[in-house]
Each structure stands twice: as C-alpha cells, then as structure tokens.
Amino acid sequence: MSTQRFFSLPATCATVSSLRAPLVAVAVAGLLAACGGSTVSAPPTTSSTGSGSGSTDTGSGTTTKTGTTGVATAAAQTTNDLGTAIASQTIPGLSPQVTQGLGNAVSSTSGTLNSLADAVSNGVGQTGTTANPVGTTVAGLGSVVGSTSGVVQGLSTAVGGLGSGKLAPLAPLTTPLASTLSTAAGALNAGGATLGNTLGSVPVQQITQPISTAITPIVTTAGLVTQAVGTQTGLGAPLGGVLAKVGGALSSAGSQVGGATKNPVGADLGTLAGSLGNTVTNAGGLVNPNGPNGALPIPGLLTSLVGATSVSVANGPPASSNPFGPLQSSLASLGLGSDPLGSLSTLLGGTPLAGLTSALGGTPLGSLTSSGLIGSPLSSLTSAFAGSGNASNPSSTLTGALSGVTNGGSGSGGSGQALAPVTALVGQLTSTLSSAAGSTSGSGTATSGLTTLLGGLAPVNHK
C-alpha cells in the first residue's frame, strides 16, 4: 500500500522562497515599531567635561576654561578627594557604613566651599559688569546653607553605622540620633532653598541695589586710578612682570608638588599652591591695564583669590580709559551736573594725572632733569661757576682754577679768578718749599725753609 506524500522537496523550497520577502518586511516593520519611529537616527553628540578648573569641550576639538581655580575651589577639590579616600577605608570591628558616612561628610564640604566661592565671585567679584553684585552675593548664601545638608547627612549615616554589627547594643542610642541628624539635614536643604528665594526676592534686592550702586563706581575708579599711576610712571609693566615671575614660580612649585605625589590629595595641594601663584600674577592688573586681570583689577583679584566654578578672570585692557569716568557718571546721576568732576580735571591739567605726568617729564626720573635743574643734574654747579663764561662746560671754571694753581697764581687774570686767594696761598707754599729744599748749606739751616713758610703764613714779631 502506498502512502500519499503531502510535501515534496521542490514544492517546499518554492514555498519558502515565495515567503522570504514578506517575512523580511514583517521583521523590519517590527524593528521599526520597537524603535518608535520609521527612521533610525544617529546617536546624539555629547559634551565632555575635562579635569582641572572647569573646562568644556566645544565639539571642535578646542577646550575653553569656564572657571577660576582659587583657594576655596582648590580646597573644595581637596576635601572631595579626601572624603573619597576615607570612604574607601575599612576599620576592623566597625561597619563599613561608618567610614562611608564620614567620607561623605568630608566630601560634602566641597559643595559648601564651591557654593561660597560662586556666591562671592558671581556677585561682588563681578562688580562693574552686573547691576547688583551685592544682591547676587547675598542671594547665593542660600545655596551655602543648603549645601551643608550633605555634611549632616553623612554624619547621620556614620552614627547609624555605629549601632550595627558588634556594636549593636548601641543601637538604642545611635538610631534615634541618626534619625535626628537625618531630619536636620532635610531641614537644612529645604531651609537653604527658602533662604535663597527670600534673599533673592524683590524687597531684599531693593535694599542691596543702592549699596551696589554706591560701591560700583568707587571700586571701578580705584582700579583705574592705580592702573593710570602705573602707566604714567612707567612702573606698571615692570612691576607686573615681577609679580608674574613670582606667581609663575609658585605655580611651578605647585605643579612639582602635585607631580611628586602619587595620590589625588597630594595633587590637590599642588593645585592649591598654583592657585596662590595665579592670584599673585593677577595682582599685576592693579598697575598694568594690558596685563592679566586688567579689565576689572579689584573684583578680578577677589575672584582669583576665592575661585569660581563658572566665572573666569577677565584680562585687560579695561572698557573705560578715563579713571574718573565711572565715578563721574554716578555723581551725574545724582543730579550734580553733567560734569561734576570737571573742576578737578581742569585743576589737574585736563587729565586726572596730568600734573603727575608733567612733574615726571614722561619718565620716572624726569623731575631730576625738568624741575628747575636746567636740563642737567649738574646745572646748579654750572651756575655757581657761571663767572667763567663757559656755562656749557660745568668743569671749565674748576679747570681754570687748577691751571692757576699750576702756574703759581701769576698772570694778569689771577685776581679775577674764583679761587684767586687759594692759588696765591698755594703759590707761596710752592715757592717756600722750593727754597727749603735748596738751602742745605751755607748761612741757611735745615729749618730755614720752614721758618720762611711760617713767616709767610703768620708774620713773627721779634723783640
């Protein structure tokens, strides 16, 4: 009995081939549906943050610094790395939760330091570029308070760990304390946010605005005046160069310290020394407007000292070239006229430092050659010998006098010379010594020359 075959090999292959295209289409459709769209897009580009003081990659291969490393920000990095090192340690007999909590408490101080640095640098550190720098600093204090919650929360974790493991009998004491610290941390976090909103509110800003309006022109003018003094005296650029060398030496020493140590904390100490070197270098902006930190020397120096996570120190030159310009505009806004400092400018010769420039004669030692010395430091000596008739040569009179000494004071012009009495006396002395040297025999004696000399100087009365 034969069995009928329902499938044959050729028929099966033909069937699979006919279904290949629909199956592929269904698979692609399912894939696209799972992806949520009908097209596949390339992955988005991401920006990377480099190490150091806040550098960002712009996507074109260039790195732009967006922060300033100062004492506060460098210390923040140090405490962060120190806390990380503590958290990784284990103490025999104690729960790892203890060291982790302590490490988190230490690391959280970095947030407080960075918040403080930003409050100062973004506020008063930008005096002259922001409308209310004092208000910005005051409003930033809320973040400083809120950031302390991390420190308290870390302590809460550490205390809670003390009541576990072998120290479980302490749990009745440590558990309530840890809960209290955790509650306090939450209160600090919420309180900091509330405080920041309150200090940044309109009523508070209305109080800080007049203070900012008053100090901004004073701070700006003070920096411009010190720069003008440095420029007019010619000492600004040399002094700025000296400060740059000292600051560079500190930065180099910091780099060597950081490179010598093989741990993050040691490298952070080197960064701290380098930040101090940068501050010394930026101090040159106080006297050199074209150097580092020349745009806003006093606020920039403050920013350089404390540091910032998103603000950089602006180099020179400043926007205004008139030292009294900001202060003059502020006084004019108070209704004191369009040119309240005009009389002062007129008094100083049209420019605030014109009197100083005139006195210095364009160089730091110009006063020695232009303030009544007739073009030469020896002009007064020339005037004293003016009787010689040769004022262009200050030593000509002295030369003539010495010539008279050599010639024994003889000649018709001897009485008119400035040193005629001296030349006459020297001539007599020369003649007497000559006669004393030649009279060693005869009627004379060895002391006859001396007697003659004394007789010439002071006549002797014989009885």
Protein backbone atom coordinates (compact mmCIF):
# COMPACT_ATOMS: atom_id res chain seq x y z
CA MET A 1 0.00 0.00 0.00
CA SER A 2 1.47 3.26 -0.97
CA THR A 3 1.30 6.39 1.16
CA GLN A 4 0.45 9.75 -0.48
CA ARG A 5 3.00 12.43 0.17
CA PHE A 6 1.62 15.86 1.04
CA PHE A 7 5.04 17.61 0.81
CA SER A 8 7.78 17.28 -1.71
CA LEU A 9 11.22 18.87 -1.62
CA PRO A 10 10.81 21.03 -4.73
CA ALA A 11 7.42 22.27 -3.58
CA THR A 12 8.74 23.15 -0.10
CA CYS A 13 11.68 25.17 -1.49
CA ALA A 14 9.38 27.09 -3.79
CA THR A 15 7.05 27.91 -0.90
CA VAL A 16 9.87 29.19 1.35
CA SER A 17 11.26 31.32 -1.48
CA SER A 18 7.87 32.88 -2.05
CA LEU A 19 7.50 33.78 1.64
CA ARG A 20 11.02 35.26 2.08
CA ALA A 21 10.16 38.78 1.05
CA PRO A 22 7.02 39.10 3.22
CA LEU A 23 8.87 37.72 6.25
CA VAL A 24 11.70 40.22 5.86
CA ALA A 25 9.20 43.03 5.55
CA VAL A 26 7.40 41.95 8.71
CA ALA A 27 10.71 41.74 10.65
CA VAL A 28 11.78 45.24 9.57
CA ALA A 29 8.38 46.65 10.43
CA GLY A 30 8.55 45.09 13.89
CA LEU A 31 12.03 46.52 14.46
CA LEU A 32 10.95 50.00 13.45
CA ALA A 33 7.89 49.78 15.65
CA ALA A 34 10.02 48.79 18.59
CA CYS A 35 12.31 51.74 17.97
CA GLY A 36 9.32 54.06 17.99
CA GLY A 37 9.70 55.50 14.52
CA SER A 38 10.13 54.80 10.88
CA THR A 39 13.72 56.06 10.62
CA VAL A 40 16.92 55.39 12.53
CA SER A 41 18.85 58.48 13.64
CA ALA A 42 22.50 58.77 14.60
CA PRO A 43 23.34 58.92 18.30
CA PRO A 44 23.46 62.49 19.66
CA THR A 45 26.79 64.13 20.37
CA THR A 46 27.71 64.65 23.99
CA SER A 47 29.90 67.24 25.64
CA SER A 48 32.64 66.15 27.99
CA THR A 49 33.93 67.98 31.00
CA GLY A 50 37.67 67.85 31.44
CA SER A 51 39.64 67.78 34.63
CA GLY A 52 41.10 70.92 36.11
CA SER A 53 39.15 74.07 36.80
CA GLY A 54 36.03 73.51 34.75
CA SER A 55 36.95 73.03 31.10
CA THR A 56 34.39 72.06 28.47
CA ASP A 57 34.79 70.52 25.02
CA THR A 58 33.05 72.64 22.41
CA GLY A 59 32.89 69.80 19.89
CA SER A 60 35.50 71.30 17.59
CA GLY A 61 38.45 69.87 19.45
CA THR A 62 39.12 73.05 21.44
CA THR A 63 38.81 73.32 25.20
CA THR A 64 37.54 76.51 26.82
CA LYS A 65 38.03 77.23 30.51
CA THR A 66 34.86 78.29 32.24
CA GLY A 67 36.08 78.61 35.82
CA THR A 68 38.83 80.01 38.02
CA THR A 69 40.87 77.96 40.46
CA GLY A 70 41.16 79.81 43.75
CA VAL A 71 41.76 78.98 47.37
CA ALA A 72 38.14 77.97 48.04
CA THR A 73 37.68 75.87 44.90
CA ALA A 74 41.07 74.19 45.33
CA ALA A 75 40.22 73.38 48.94
CA ALA A 76 36.87 72.02 47.74
CA GLN A 77 38.61 69.61 45.40
CA THR A 78 40.96 68.58 48.21
CA THR A 79 38.15 67.79 50.64
CA ASN A 80 36.27 65.89 47.96
CA ASP A 81 39.22 63.62 47.24
CA LEU A 82 40.00 63.26 50.94
CA GLY A 83 36.42 62.19 51.63
CA THR A 84 36.59 59.64 48.84
CA ALA A 85 39.76 58.19 50.37
CA ILE A 86 38.13 57.96 53.80
CA ALA A 87 35.02 56.27 52.43
CA SER A 88 37.12 53.55 50.84
CA GLN A 89 38.73 52.55 54.12
CA THR A 90 37.53 49.83 56.48
CA ILE A 91 38.03 49.70 60.25
CA PRO A 92 38.09 46.29 61.86
CA GLY A 93 35.14 45.81 64.19
CA LEU A 94 33.14 48.63 62.64
CA SER A 95 30.54 48.57 59.93
CA PRO A 96 31.67 49.96 56.55
CA GLN A 97 28.75 52.33 56.94
CA VAL A 98 30.79 54.30 59.48
CA THR A 99 33.69 55.16 57.20
CA GLN A 100 31.36 55.72 54.27
CA GLY A 101 29.34 58.19 56.28
CA LEU A 102 32.43 60.03 57.47
CA GLY A 103 33.82 60.13 53.95
CA ASN A 104 30.55 61.53 52.61
CA ALA A 105 30.53 64.18 55.32
CA VAL A 106 34.05 65.32 54.38
CA SER A 107 33.34 65.22 50.65
CA SER A 108 30.16 67.25 51.11
CA THR A 109 32.16 70.19 52.42
CA SER A 110 33.37 70.66 48.85
CA GLY A 111 29.85 71.65 47.88
CA THR A 112 29.76 74.26 50.63
CA LEU A 113 33.11 75.71 49.58
CA ASN A 114 32.14 75.84 45.92
CA SER A 115 28.82 77.48 46.77
CA LEU A 116 30.61 80.11 48.83
CA ALA A 117 33.13 80.74 46.05
CA ASP A 118 30.35 81.15 43.49
CA ALA A 119 28.38 83.48 45.74
CA VAL A 120 31.39 85.77 46.08
CA SER A 121 32.74 85.54 42.52
CA ASN A 122 29.40 85.75 40.73
CA GLY A 123 28.43 88.71 42.90
CA VAL A 124 30.97 91.19 44.23
CA GLY A 125 33.61 89.55 42.07
CA GLN A 126 31.75 90.91 39.03
CA THR A 127 31.42 94.48 40.28
CA GLY A 128 31.30 96.72 37.26
CA THR A 129 29.65 94.17 34.95
CA THR A 130 26.49 93.26 36.90
CA ALA A 131 23.76 95.62 38.05
CA ASN A 132 23.52 94.37 41.63
CA PRO A 133 26.66 92.47 42.65
CA VAL A 134 25.89 92.71 46.38
CA GLY A 135 22.42 91.29 45.82
CA THR A 136 23.84 88.37 43.86
CA THR A 137 26.24 87.50 46.67
CA VAL A 138 23.53 87.80 49.31
CA ALA A 139 21.15 85.58 47.34
CA GLY A 140 23.90 82.98 46.95
CA LEU A 141 24.09 82.49 50.69
CA GLY A 142 21.02 80.28 50.45
CA SER A 143 22.98 77.74 48.44
CA VAL A 144 25.77 77.84 51.00
CA VAL A 145 23.33 76.95 53.79
CA GLY A 146 21.58 74.29 51.74
CA SER A 147 24.86 72.61 50.80
CA THR A 148 25.66 71.90 54.44
CA SER A 149 22.87 69.32 54.48
CA GLY A 150 25.23 66.84 52.84
CA VAL A 151 27.66 67.13 55.72
CA VAL A 152 24.95 66.46 58.29
CA GLN A 153 23.53 63.58 56.29
CA GLY A 154 26.97 61.97 56.15
CA LEU A 155 27.26 62.22 59.91
CA SER A 156 23.83 60.63 60.21
CA THR A 157 24.99 57.67 58.15
CA ALA A 158 28.14 57.27 60.24
CA VAL A 159 26.23 57.39 63.53
CA GLY A 160 23.73 54.86 62.26
CA GLY A 161 26.58 52.52 61.37
CA LEU A 162 27.88 52.62 64.91
CA GLY A 163 24.78 50.74 66.08
CA SER A 164 25.25 47.71 63.84
CA GLY A 165 27.48 44.64 63.88
CA LYS A 166 29.47 44.09 67.04
CA LEU A 167 28.26 47.44 68.38
CA ALA A 168 24.59 46.53 68.04
CA PRO A 169 23.99 47.17 71.77
CA LEU A 170 24.48 50.87 70.98
CA ALA A 171 21.55 50.86 68.57
CA PRO A 172 19.03 52.24 71.11
CA LEU A 173 21.24 55.34 71.32
CA THR A 174 22.61 55.67 67.81
CA THR A 175 19.38 55.01 65.91
CA PRO A 176 17.42 57.98 67.34
CA LEU A 177 20.46 60.24 66.96
CA ALA A 178 20.96 59.21 63.35
CA SER A 179 17.28 59.87 62.68
CA THR A 180 17.55 63.32 64.24
CA LEU A 181 20.60 64.17 62.14
CA SER A 182 18.82 63.00 59.00
CA THR A 183 15.86 65.22 59.81
CA ALA A 184 18.19 68.16 60.39
CA ALA A 185 19.83 67.52 57.03
CA GLY A 186 16.49 67.67 55.30
CA ALA A 187 15.63 70.86 57.15
CA LEU A 188 18.91 72.47 56.08
CA ASN A 189 18.29 71.53 52.48
CA ALA A 190 14.78 72.96 52.47
CA GLY A 191 15.78 75.92 54.57
CA GLY A 192 18.62 76.81 52.23
CA ALA A 193 16.27 76.83 49.27
CA THR A 194 13.78 79.00 51.15
CA LEU A 195 16.52 81.36 52.31
CA GLY A 196 17.87 81.70 48.79
CA ASN A 197 14.42 82.56 47.44
CA THR A 198 13.89 85.08 50.22
CA LEU A 199 17.28 86.79 49.77
CA GLY A 200 16.73 86.90 46.03
CA SER A 201 13.25 88.41 46.33
CA VAL A 202 12.42 91.90 45.17
CA PRO A 203 12.23 93.51 48.65
CA VAL A 204 15.71 92.33 49.59
CA GLN A 205 17.13 93.26 46.20
CA GLN A 206 15.72 96.75 46.64
CA ILE A 207 17.83 97.04 49.77
CA THR A 208 21.04 95.72 48.23
CA GLN A 209 20.69 97.68 44.98
CA PRO A 210 21.57 101.11 46.46
CA ILE A 211 24.62 99.55 48.13
CA SER A 212 25.77 98.14 44.80
CA THR A 213 25.11 101.46 43.09
CA ALA A 214 27.29 103.21 45.65
CA ILE A 215 30.28 100.86 45.69
CA THR A 216 30.47 100.01 41.97
CA PRO A 217 31.89 103.37 40.76
CA ILE A 218 34.23 103.58 43.74
CA VAL A 219 35.70 100.12 43.18
CA THR A 220 35.96 100.62 39.42
CA THR A 221 37.53 104.07 39.74
CA ALA A 222 40.06 102.86 42.31
CA GLY A 223 41.28 100.18 39.93
CA LEU A 224 41.51 102.57 37.01
CA VAL A 225 43.44 105.12 39.07
CA THR A 226 46.07 102.59 40.18
CA GLN A 227 46.43 101.46 36.59
CA ALA A 228 46.82 105.06 35.42
CA VAL A 229 49.53 105.69 38.02
CA GLY A 230 51.37 102.58 36.86
CA THR A 231 51.12 103.67 33.23
CA GLN A 232 52.14 107.30 33.79
CA THR A 233 55.13 106.46 35.95
CA GLY A 234 56.27 103.68 33.65
CA LEU A 235 56.40 101.26 36.58
CA GLY A 236 53.24 99.31 35.74
CA ALA A 237 54.66 96.91 33.18
CA PRO A 238 57.92 96.16 35.08
CA LEU A 239 56.09 95.61 38.36
CA GLY A 240 53.52 93.42 36.65
CA GLY A 241 56.36 91.40 35.17
CA VAL A 242 57.91 90.86 38.59
CA LEU A 243 54.57 89.68 40.01
CA ALA A 244 54.13 87.36 37.04
CA LYS A 245 57.54 85.79 37.70
CA VAL A 246 56.75 85.28 41.39
CA GLY A 247 53.34 83.85 40.57
CA GLY A 248 54.84 81.60 37.93
CA ALA A 249 57.37 80.30 40.43
CA LEU A 250 54.57 79.42 42.86
CA SER A 251 52.59 77.72 40.13
CA SER A 252 55.65 75.76 39.03
CA ALA A 253 56.31 74.69 42.61
CA GLY A 254 52.71 73.58 42.91
CA SER A 255 53.00 71.51 39.76
CA GLN A 256 56.14 69.83 41.06
CA VAL A 257 54.47 69.03 44.37
CA GLY A 258 51.45 67.61 42.61
CA GLY A 259 53.59 65.56 40.28
CA ALA A 260 55.79 64.19 43.06
CA THR A 261 52.86 62.68 44.95
CA LYS A 262 51.03 59.68 43.58
CA ASN A 263 47.67 60.33 45.20
CA PRO A 264 44.84 62.78 44.43
CA VAL A 265 45.15 64.65 47.74
CA GLY A 266 48.81 65.48 47.10
CA ALA A 267 47.97 66.68 43.61
CA ASP A 268 45.25 68.88 45.09
CA LEU A 269 47.77 70.51 47.42
CA GLY A 270 49.86 71.34 44.38
CA THR A 271 46.79 72.86 42.76
CA LEU A 272 46.23 74.98 45.85
CA ALA A 273 49.78 76.36 45.63
CA GLY A 274 49.25 77.02 41.94
CA SER A 275 46.08 78.98 42.67
CA LEU A 276 48.03 81.25 45.01
CA GLY A 277 50.55 81.79 42.22
CA ASN A 278 47.76 82.77 39.84
CA THR A 279 46.48 85.29 42.39
CA VAL A 280 49.93 86.88 42.68
CA THR A 281 50.17 87.10 38.90
CA ASN A 282 46.72 88.65 38.64
CA ALA A 283 47.73 91.31 41.16
CA GLY A 284 49.72 92.87 38.32
CA GLY A 285 46.45 94.05 36.81
CA LEU A 286 46.29 96.71 39.51
CA VAL A 287 49.16 98.62 37.86
CA ASN A 288 49.24 97.25 34.31
CA PRO A 289 45.96 97.54 32.37
CA ASN A 290 47.26 95.44 29.48
CA GLY A 291 48.34 92.51 31.63
CA PRO A 292 46.45 89.68 33.31
CA ASN A 293 43.32 90.73 35.17
CA GLY A 294 43.46 94.19 33.63
CA ALA A 295 39.78 94.55 32.79
CA LEU A 296 38.46 94.70 36.37
CA PRO A 297 41.55 94.56 38.61
CA ILE A 298 39.97 94.73 42.08
CA PRO A 299 36.94 92.44 41.51
CA GLY A 300 39.08 90.15 39.38
CA LEU A 301 41.64 89.82 42.14
CA LEU A 302 38.86 88.78 44.53
CA THR A 303 37.59 86.21 42.04
CA SER A 304 41.12 84.90 41.54
CA LEU A 305 41.59 84.52 45.28
CA VAL A 306 38.42 82.57 46.13
CA GLY A 307 37.87 80.92 42.74
CA ALA A 308 34.68 80.13 40.84
CA THR A 309 33.15 77.19 39.02
CA SER A 310 31.73 79.18 36.11
CA VAL A 311 33.42 82.62 36.09
CA SER A 312 36.84 83.44 34.65
CA VAL A 313 39.15 86.37 35.34
CA ALA A 314 38.97 88.91 32.50
CA ASN A 315 42.23 90.25 31.12
CA GLY A 316 42.76 93.88 30.05
CA PRO A 317 42.52 96.47 28.87
CA PRO A 318 39.54 97.92 30.77
CA ALA A 319 36.49 99.25 28.95
CA SER A 320 36.98 102.82 30.21
CA SER A 321 40.19 104.78 29.77
CA ASN A 322 39.15 107.68 32.00
CA PRO A 323 39.95 106.84 35.63
CA PHE A 324 37.21 109.13 36.96
CA GLY A 325 34.66 108.14 34.32
CA PRO A 326 32.59 105.65 36.39
CA LEU A 327 32.56 107.90 39.46
CA GLN A 328 31.70 110.95 37.36
CA SER A 329 28.74 109.17 35.78
CA SER A 330 27.49 108.09 39.19
CA LEU A 331 27.69 111.62 40.57
CA ALA A 332 25.95 112.98 37.49
CA SER A 333 23.08 110.56 38.06
CA LEU A 334 22.59 112.13 41.50
CA GLY A 335 21.80 115.50 39.92
CA LEU A 336 25.24 117.07 40.37
CA GLY A 337 25.51 118.16 36.76
CA SER A 338 26.81 116.58 33.59
CA ASP A 339 30.45 117.14 34.58
CA PRO A 340 30.68 117.04 38.40
CA LEU A 341 34.44 116.43 38.36
CA GLY A 342 35.19 118.97 35.68
CA SER A 343 36.86 121.40 38.07
CA LEU A 344 39.12 118.64 39.30
CA SER A 345 40.05 117.68 35.77
CA THR A 346 40.79 121.32 34.95
CA LEU A 347 42.88 121.66 38.06
CA LEU A 348 44.94 118.65 37.05
CA GLY A 349 45.53 119.95 33.56
CA GLY A 350 42.74 118.30 31.62
CA THR A 351 43.52 114.74 32.60
CA PRO A 352 43.39 113.22 36.08
CA LEU A 353 47.13 112.56 36.17
CA ALA A 354 48.37 115.40 34.02
CA GLY A 355 50.07 117.04 36.99
CA LEU A 356 51.93 113.86 37.75
CA THR A 357 52.89 113.41 34.13
CA SER A 358 54.20 116.96 33.92
CA ALA A 359 56.22 116.58 37.09
CA LEU A 360 57.79 113.35 35.92
CA GLY A 361 58.56 114.66 32.45
CA GLY A 362 57.42 111.44 30.81
CA THR A 363 59.84 109.23 32.75
CA PRO A 364 60.06 108.20 36.41
CA LEU A 365 63.22 110.31 36.87
CA GLY A 366 62.11 113.17 34.69
CA SER A 367 61.76 115.50 37.65
CA LEU A 368 65.52 115.38 38.12
CA THR A 369 66.05 116.87 34.70
CA SER A 370 62.99 119.07 34.25
CA SER A 371 62.12 120.54 37.69
CA GLY A 372 64.38 123.56 37.82
CA LEU A 373 67.68 121.80 37.19
CA ILE A 374 68.14 123.49 33.74
CA GLY A 375 68.28 120.24 31.84
CA SER A 376 71.12 118.67 33.81
CA PRO A 377 71.62 117.38 37.36
CA LEU A 378 74.86 119.49 37.47
CA SER A 379 73.20 122.68 36.31
CA SER A 380 73.36 124.23 39.79
CA LEU A 381 77.13 123.64 39.81
CA THR A 382 77.31 125.19 36.38
CA SER A 383 75.51 128.26 37.69
CA ALA A 384 77.97 128.53 40.56
CA PHE A 385 80.81 128.69 38.07
CA ALA A 386 78.93 130.94 35.67
CA GLY A 387 81.63 133.58 36.07
CA SER A 388 83.92 131.52 33.90
CA GLY A 389 81.92 132.40 30.83
CA ASN A 390 81.54 128.77 29.74
CA ALA A 391 78.16 127.57 31.09
CA SER A 392 78.07 124.63 28.71
CA ASN A 393 81.02 123.01 30.48
CA PRO A 394 80.41 122.77 34.26
CA SER A 395 84.06 121.92 34.98
CA SER A 396 85.67 124.68 32.93
CA THR A 397 85.91 127.09 35.86
CA LEU A 398 87.41 124.40 38.06
CA THR A 399 89.90 123.60 35.30
CA GLY A 400 90.90 127.25 35.10
CA ALA A 401 91.36 127.45 38.84
CA LEU A 402 93.59 124.41 38.89
CA SER A 403 95.54 125.84 35.98
CA GLY A 404 96.13 128.94 38.10
CA VAL A 405 97.47 126.72 40.89
CA THR A 406 99.89 125.06 38.47
CA ASN A 407 101.08 128.43 37.21
CA GLY A 408 101.71 129.70 40.73
CA GLY A 409 98.85 132.14 40.62
CA SER A 410 100.72 134.51 38.30
CA GLY A 411 99.23 136.33 35.43
CA SER A 412 97.12 139.37 34.96
CA GLY A 413 93.85 137.46 35.32
CA GLY A 414 94.67 135.97 38.73
CA SER A 415 92.65 138.48 40.74
CA GLY A 416 89.55 137.75 38.73
CA GLN A 417 89.56 134.01 39.23
CA ALA A 418 87.10 132.33 41.62
CA LEU A 419 89.95 130.65 43.51
CA ALA A 420 92.46 133.54 43.46
CA PRO A 421 93.11 133.53 47.25
CA VAL A 422 93.72 129.81 47.22
CA THR A 423 96.05 129.98 44.23
CA ALA A 424 98.06 132.75 45.82
CA LEU A 425 98.50 130.75 49.00
CA VAL A 426 99.45 127.60 47.14
CA GLY A 427 101.90 129.56 45.05
CA GLN A 428 103.59 130.93 48.15
CA LEU A 429 103.70 127.43 49.63
CA THR A 430 105.34 126.08 46.49
CA SER A 431 107.97 128.81 46.44
CA THR A 432 108.81 128.31 50.11
CA LEU A 433 109.18 124.56 49.77
CA SER A 434 111.48 125.07 46.79
CA SER A 435 113.74 127.35 48.75
CA ALA A 436 113.70 124.97 51.70
CA ALA A 437 114.80 122.08 49.54
CA GLY A 438 117.73 124.07 48.05
CA SER A 439 119.15 125.51 51.27
CA THR A 440 121.03 122.58 52.84
CA SER A 441 124.40 124.50 53.35
CA GLY A 442 125.85 127.98 53.80
CA SER A 443 124.33 130.54 56.03
CA GLY A 444 120.96 128.82 55.97
CA THR A 445 119.88 125.97 58.15
CA ALA A 446 117.74 122.94 57.58
CA THR A 447 114.80 124.70 59.22
CA SER A 448 115.15 127.99 57.46
CA GLY A 449 112.67 126.93 54.79
CA LEU A 450 110.10 126.03 57.42
CA THR A 451 110.75 129.34 59.17
CA THR A 452 110.22 131.15 55.91
CA LEU A 453 106.97 129.17 55.36
CA LEU A 454 105.63 130.01 58.80
CA GLY A 455 106.67 133.57 58.33
CA GLY A 456 104.72 133.73 55.13
CA LEU A 457 101.60 132.31 56.73
CA ALA A 458 101.78 134.20 60.05
CA PRO A 459 104.23 137.12 60.47
CA VAL A 460 106.52 136.76 63.51
CA ASN A 461 107.11 139.82 65.70
CA HIS A 462 110.71 139.95 67.01
CA LYS A 463 111.51 141.71 70.21
